[in-house]
Amino acid sequence: MAPLVFVLLVTAIKEAFEDFARYKMDQEVNARKIDCWRNGRWEQVAWKDLKVGDAVRITKENHQFPADMLLLQSSEEQGMCNIETSNLDGETNLKIKQAPGATWRL
């Protein structure tokens, strides 16, 4: 019985450390800044402070962004862009996305 308790205790401690490391990483990611259109101008806003409906600007310097976004416009032809989703699904190949026709022409 003692070996089982020892193994369960070690596993629980290991899981606690991993959870804490994930928590710290999430805090760091959520503190990243992105350009957000608010009050008639672009403002630097932390990812955690984005609200539904906020318009954000992705630039070459600021190329990472939160996952749940709708592409409205791109500097490429026909509103096309390549998105890497390795943080979400582990796939490292780029996925091609296109903005809706009504918005990429703006």
Protein backbone atom coordinates (compact mmCIF):
# COMPACT_ATOMS: atom_id res chain seq x y z
CA MET A 1 0.00 0.00 0.00
CA ALA A 2 2.84 2.41 0.81
CA PRO A 3 4.39 2.18 -2.68
CA LEU A 4 1.04 3.04 -4.24
CA VAL A 5 0.60 6.06 -1.98
CA PHE A 6 4.16 7.18 -2.78
CA VAL A 7 3.61 6.91 -6.54
CA LEU A 8 0.29 8.79 -6.30
CA LEU A 9 1.92 11.51 -4.18
CA VAL A 10 4.82 11.96 -6.60
CA THR A 11 2.40 12.06 -9.55
CA ALA A 12 0.24 14.67 -7.80
CA ILE A 13 3.27 16.86 -7.07
CA LYS A 14 4.45 16.54 -10.68
CA GLU A 15 0.99 17.50 -11.97
CA ALA A 16 0.89 20.51 -9.62
CA PHE A 17 4.23 21.78 -10.97
CA GLU A 18 3.07 21.32 -14.58
CA ASP A 19 -0.21 23.11 -13.86
CA PHE A 20 1.67 26.01 -12.27
CA ALA A 21 4.01 26.24 -15.26
CA ARG A 22 0.99 26.33 -17.62
CA TYR A 23 -0.63 29.00 -15.46
CA LYS A 24 2.51 31.19 -15.62
CA MET A 25 2.76 30.70 -19.39
CA ASP A 26 -0.93 31.63 -19.81
CA GLN A 27 -0.39 34.78 -17.76
CA GLU A 28 2.55 35.75 -19.99
CA VAL A 29 0.61 35.10 -23.20
CA ASN A 30 -2.49 36.97 -22.02
CA ALA A 31 -0.35 40.00 -21.13
CA ARG A 32 0.89 40.38 -24.74
CA LYS A 33 -0.19 43.61 -26.44
CA ILE A 34 -2.03 44.12 -29.70
CA ASP A 35 -3.25 47.21 -31.57
CA CYS A 36 -6.98 47.65 -30.97
CA TRP A 37 -9.27 50.33 -32.45
CA ARG A 38 -10.91 52.11 -29.52
CA ASN A 39 -12.14 55.65 -29.01
CA GLY A 40 -11.37 56.55 -32.63
CA ARG A 41 -7.69 55.60 -32.52
CA TRP A 42 -5.35 52.58 -32.31
CA GLU A 43 -4.45 51.65 -28.71
CA GLN A 44 -2.13 49.00 -27.31
CA VAL A 45 -4.35 46.55 -25.40
CA ALA A 46 -3.45 43.33 -23.58
CA TRP A 47 -4.93 40.19 -25.13
CA LYS A 48 -6.86 39.52 -21.94
CA ASP A 49 -8.63 42.90 -22.26
CA LEU A 50 -9.98 42.33 -25.80
CA LYS A 51 -13.74 42.30 -26.10
CA VAL A 52 -16.05 40.72 -28.65
CA GLY A 53 -16.31 43.03 -31.65
CA ASP A 54 -12.95 44.78 -31.16
CA ALA A 55 -11.08 45.51 -34.38
CA VAL A 56 -7.38 44.65 -34.14
CA ARG A 57 -4.46 45.40 -36.44
CA ILE A 58 -1.85 42.73 -37.12
CA THR A 59 1.52 44.02 -38.34
CA LYS A 60 4.88 42.47 -39.19
CA GLU A 61 6.21 43.66 -35.82
CA ASN A 62 3.08 42.50 -34.00
CA HIS A 63 2.35 39.28 -35.89
CA GLN A 64 1.00 37.09 -33.09
CA PHE A 65 -2.63 37.40 -32.09
CA PRO A 66 -5.33 35.58 -30.10
CA ALA A 67 -6.95 32.59 -31.78
CA ASP A 68 -10.55 33.72 -32.15
CA MET A 69 -10.31 36.32 -34.88
CA LEU A 70 -12.19 37.11 -38.08
CA LEU A 71 -9.96 38.26 -40.92
CA LEU A 72 -11.47 41.38 -42.50
CA GLN A 73 -8.63 42.65 -44.66
CA SER A 74 -5.10 41.76 -45.70
CA SER A 75 -2.28 43.53 -47.51
CA GLU A 76 -2.11 40.56 -49.88
CA GLU A 77 -4.17 40.17 -53.04
CA GLN A 78 -7.81 39.17 -52.55
CA GLY A 79 -7.52 39.38 -48.77
CA MET A 80 -5.41 36.21 -48.48
CA CYS A 81 -3.09 35.39 -45.59
CA ASN A 82 -1.15 32.43 -44.20
CA ILE A 83 -1.76 31.45 -40.60
CA GLU A 84 0.33 29.11 -38.45
CA THR A 85 -1.79 27.25 -35.89
CA SER A 86 0.89 25.17 -34.17
CA ASN A 87 -0.08 26.54 -30.74
CA LEU A 88 -3.64 25.35 -31.27
CA ASP A 89 -3.41 22.02 -33.04
CA GLY A 90 0.30 21.19 -33.22
CA GLU A 91 0.38 21.40 -37.03
CA THR A 92 3.31 23.44 -38.29
CA ASN A 93 2.16 23.88 -41.89
CA LEU A 94 0.62 27.22 -42.84
CA LYS A 95 -3.09 27.44 -43.49
CA ILE A 96 -4.40 29.81 -46.15
CA LYS A 97 -7.27 32.04 -45.05
CA GLN A 98 -9.20 34.65 -47.00
CA ALA A 99 -11.16 37.66 -45.81
CA PRO A 100 -14.82 37.89 -46.89
CA GLY A 101 -15.22 39.56 -50.30
CA ALA A 102 -17.21 42.45 -48.85
CA THR A 103 -14.38 43.50 -46.50
CA TRP A 104 -11.09 42.77 -48.26
CA ARG A 105 -11.88 45.31 -50.97
CA LEU A 106 -12.18 48.20 -48.48
